[in-house]
Amino acid sequence: MPDAATRNTVDLSAYPDLVVIYLGMRVEEPRGLETLQTLGPQIEASVADGPDGLLLHERLIYGDDPPHVGMRQYWRDFDALSAWSRTLPHKRWWTDYLRDRGGTSFWHETYLRRGGFESIYVDVDEGIGMGRFAPTRHATGPMLGARARADADRSDAG
């Protein structure tokens, strides 16, 4: 008879405001490979510096048609994630990326332990993640910011 499986869980009581964010970038045209090869090491270097509030950073490969690369990050709270996204080098990457996507598409989905979700899809033609089963809409006005999207989700769910 096989040994009983060992099952574990985690005690997240020390992380009441935990935030998990999944991010991905897909090559859409040949020059997209260069974009990935440029941004990848820059992102790895910035998280190696240990931004305040970043608990864990993991690299991932998503999907199969076509596969794309990404990451999963665990943050102490939304404020820490938001603060990091507004500082250099992240702020510069994002601004530059929105000017020229370099042959790629990008997405992220954020899940807040205290409730709420938010997502953004940039030049993603076919659905990824929540965009595969829920309708998408243009991120304009207050919906340009992650905080407003997460707050709107909590309001809609209430």
Protein backbone atom coordinates (compact mmCIF):
# COMPACT_ATOMS: atom_id res chain seq x y z
CA MET A 1 0.00 0.00 0.00
CA PRO A 2 1.43 3.43 -0.93
CA ASP A 3 2.45 5.87 1.76
CA ALA A 4 -0.13 8.49 2.63
CA ALA A 5 0.37 11.75 0.78
CA THR A 6 1.88 14.59 2.74
CA ARG A 7 -0.35 17.62 2.38
CA ASN A 8 0.68 21.08 3.56
CA THR A 9 -0.82 24.53 3.43
CA VAL A 10 0.54 27.96 4.34
CA ASP A 11 -0.17 30.24 7.25
CA LEU A 12 -0.71 33.67 5.69
CA SER A 13 -1.69 35.38 8.93
CA ALA A 14 1.48 37.51 8.75
CA TYR A 15 0.38 38.74 5.30
CA PRO A 16 -3.17 40.08 5.66
CA ASP A 17 -2.77 42.40 2.67
CA LEU A 18 -0.94 39.97 0.38
CA VAL A 19 -1.10 40.73 -3.34
CA VAL A 20 -0.27 38.28 -6.12
CA ILE A 21 0.39 39.58 -9.61
CA TYR A 22 0.86 37.54 -12.75
CA LEU A 23 2.50 39.27 -15.72
CA GLY A 24 3.21 38.06 -19.21
CA MET A 25 4.67 39.20 -22.50
CA ARG A 26 4.11 37.46 -25.81
CA VAL A 27 6.19 37.84 -28.95
CA GLU A 28 3.86 39.00 -31.73
CA GLU A 29 6.44 39.68 -34.47
CA PRO A 30 10.16 38.89 -34.93
CA ARG A 31 11.46 42.07 -33.29
CA GLY A 32 9.61 41.02 -30.14
CA LEU A 33 12.43 38.61 -29.31
CA GLU A 34 14.82 41.55 -29.01
CA THR A 35 12.34 43.34 -26.74
CA LEU A 36 12.20 40.31 -24.44
CA GLN A 37 15.98 39.94 -24.45
CA THR A 38 16.34 43.60 -23.47
CA LEU A 39 13.63 43.84 -20.80
CA GLY A 40 14.15 40.42 -19.21
CA PRO A 41 17.58 41.08 -17.69
CA GLN A 42 16.54 44.60 -16.64
CA ILE A 43 13.53 43.22 -14.75
CA GLU A 44 15.60 40.47 -13.14
CA ALA A 45 18.20 43.02 -11.98
CA SER A 46 15.56 45.31 -10.50
CA VAL A 47 13.89 42.56 -8.46
CA ALA A 48 17.30 41.24 -7.37
CA ASP A 49 17.72 44.63 -5.64
CA GLY A 50 14.89 43.59 -3.31
CA PRO A 51 12.25 46.28 -3.69
CA ASP A 52 10.45 47.06 -0.44
CA GLY A 53 7.46 44.76 -0.12
CA LEU A 54 8.43 42.19 -2.77
CA LEU A 55 8.23 38.81 -1.07
CA LEU A 56 8.89 36.52 -4.05
CA HIS A 57 9.53 36.80 -7.79
CA GLU A 58 9.24 33.76 -10.07
CA ARG A 59 9.71 33.39 -13.83
CA LEU A 60 7.06 31.42 -15.75
CA ILE A 61 6.18 30.27 -19.25
CA TYR A 62 2.50 30.52 -20.17
CA GLY A 63 0.25 29.01 -22.78
CA ASP A 64 1.03 27.18 -25.94
CA ASP A 65 -0.26 29.18 -28.89
CA PRO A 66 2.17 30.91 -28.98
CA PRO A 67 3.93 30.40 -25.65
CA HIS A 68 4.89 33.55 -23.83
CA VAL A 69 7.05 34.42 -20.86
CA GLY A 70 6.14 36.07 -17.65
CA MET A 71 6.40 36.14 -13.92
CA ARG A 72 4.46 35.76 -10.73
CA GLN A 73 5.18 38.10 -7.86
CA TYR A 74 3.98 38.13 -4.26
CA TRP A 75 3.88 41.56 -2.60
CA ARG A 76 3.34 42.45 1.06
CA ASP A 77 0.52 44.81 0.07
CA PHE A 78 -0.86 46.81 -2.82
CA ASP A 79 0.78 50.04 -1.63
CA ALA A 80 4.26 48.46 -1.91
CA LEU A 81 3.54 47.15 -5.41
CA SER A 82 2.07 50.48 -6.47
CA ALA A 83 4.98 52.47 -5.03
CA TRP A 84 7.52 50.29 -6.86
CA SER A 85 5.64 50.64 -10.14
CA ARG A 86 5.87 54.44 -9.88
CA THR A 87 9.65 54.54 -9.36
CA LEU A 88 12.57 54.08 -11.72
CA PRO A 89 13.33 51.86 -13.50
CA HIS A 90 9.77 50.47 -13.68
CA LYS A 91 8.17 53.81 -14.52
CA ARG A 92 10.60 54.31 -17.43
CA TRP A 93 10.04 50.78 -18.77
CA TRP A 94 6.29 51.18 -18.74
CA THR A 95 6.32 54.62 -20.37
CA ASP A 96 8.75 53.46 -23.07
CA TYR A 97 6.78 50.27 -23.63
CA LEU A 98 3.50 52.09 -24.18
CA ARG A 99 5.22 54.27 -26.82
CA ASP A 100 6.59 51.23 -28.68
CA ARG A 101 5.59 47.68 -27.76
CA GLY A 102 8.56 46.34 -29.71
CA GLY A 103 6.64 43.55 -31.41
CA THR A 104 5.10 42.17 -28.22
CA SER A 105 1.85 42.18 -26.31
CA PHE A 106 1.65 42.45 -22.51
CA TRP A 107 -0.81 41.66 -19.75
CA HIS A 108 -1.04 41.48 -15.99
CA GLU A 109 -3.64 40.29 -13.52
CA THR A 110 -3.55 41.25 -9.84
CA TYR A 111 -5.30 39.40 -7.02
CA LEU A 112 -5.72 41.05 -3.63
CA ARG A 113 -6.17 38.88 -0.55
CA ARG A 114 -8.55 41.40 0.99
CA GLY A 115 -10.68 41.29 -2.12
CA GLY A 116 -10.62 42.64 -5.61
CA PHE A 117 -8.94 41.85 -8.87
CA GLU A 118 -7.59 44.05 -11.60
CA SER A 119 -6.10 43.43 -15.00
CA ILE A 120 -4.66 45.16 -18.02
CA TYR A 121 -4.12 43.77 -21.51
CA VAL A 122 -1.97 45.76 -23.96
CA ASP A 123 -2.28 44.77 -27.62
CA VAL A 124 -3.60 41.34 -26.64
CA ASP A 125 -5.81 40.27 -29.54
CA GLU A 126 -7.10 36.99 -28.15
CA GLY A 127 -7.98 36.50 -24.53
CA ILE A 128 -5.48 35.57 -21.87
CA GLY A 129 -6.39 34.66 -18.31
CA MET A 130 -9.62 36.32 -17.19
CA GLY A 131 -9.91 37.86 -20.66
CA ARG A 132 -10.70 34.39 -22.03
CA PHE A 133 -13.97 34.07 -20.14
CA ALA A 134 -15.01 37.61 -19.22
CA PRO A 135 -15.62 40.55 -21.54
CA THR A 136 -12.91 43.18 -21.78
CA ARG A 137 -13.40 46.93 -22.08
CA HIS A 138 -11.14 49.84 -22.84
CA ALA A 139 -9.09 51.09 -19.90
CA THR A 140 -9.78 54.81 -20.10
CA GLY A 141 -10.18 57.61 -17.58
CA PRO A 142 -9.92 56.38 -14.01
CA MET A 143 -9.67 52.79 -15.25
CA LEU A 144 -6.14 53.52 -16.50
CA GLY A 145 -4.79 52.97 -12.98
CA ALA A 146 -4.53 49.62 -11.21
CA ARG A 147 -5.87 51.00 -7.92
CA ALA A 148 -9.05 52.31 -9.57
CA ARG A 149 -9.57 49.01 -11.41
CA ALA A 150 -9.19 47.01 -8.19
CA ASP A 151 -11.47 49.38 -6.27
CA ALA A 152 -14.07 49.22 -9.06
CA ASP A 153 -13.98 45.44 -8.90
CA ARG A 154 -14.62 45.50 -5.14
CA SER A 155 -17.52 47.94 -5.65
CA ASP A 156 -19.04 45.81 -8.41
CA ALA A 157 -18.81 42.68 -6.24
CA GLY A 158 -20.38 44.30 -3.16
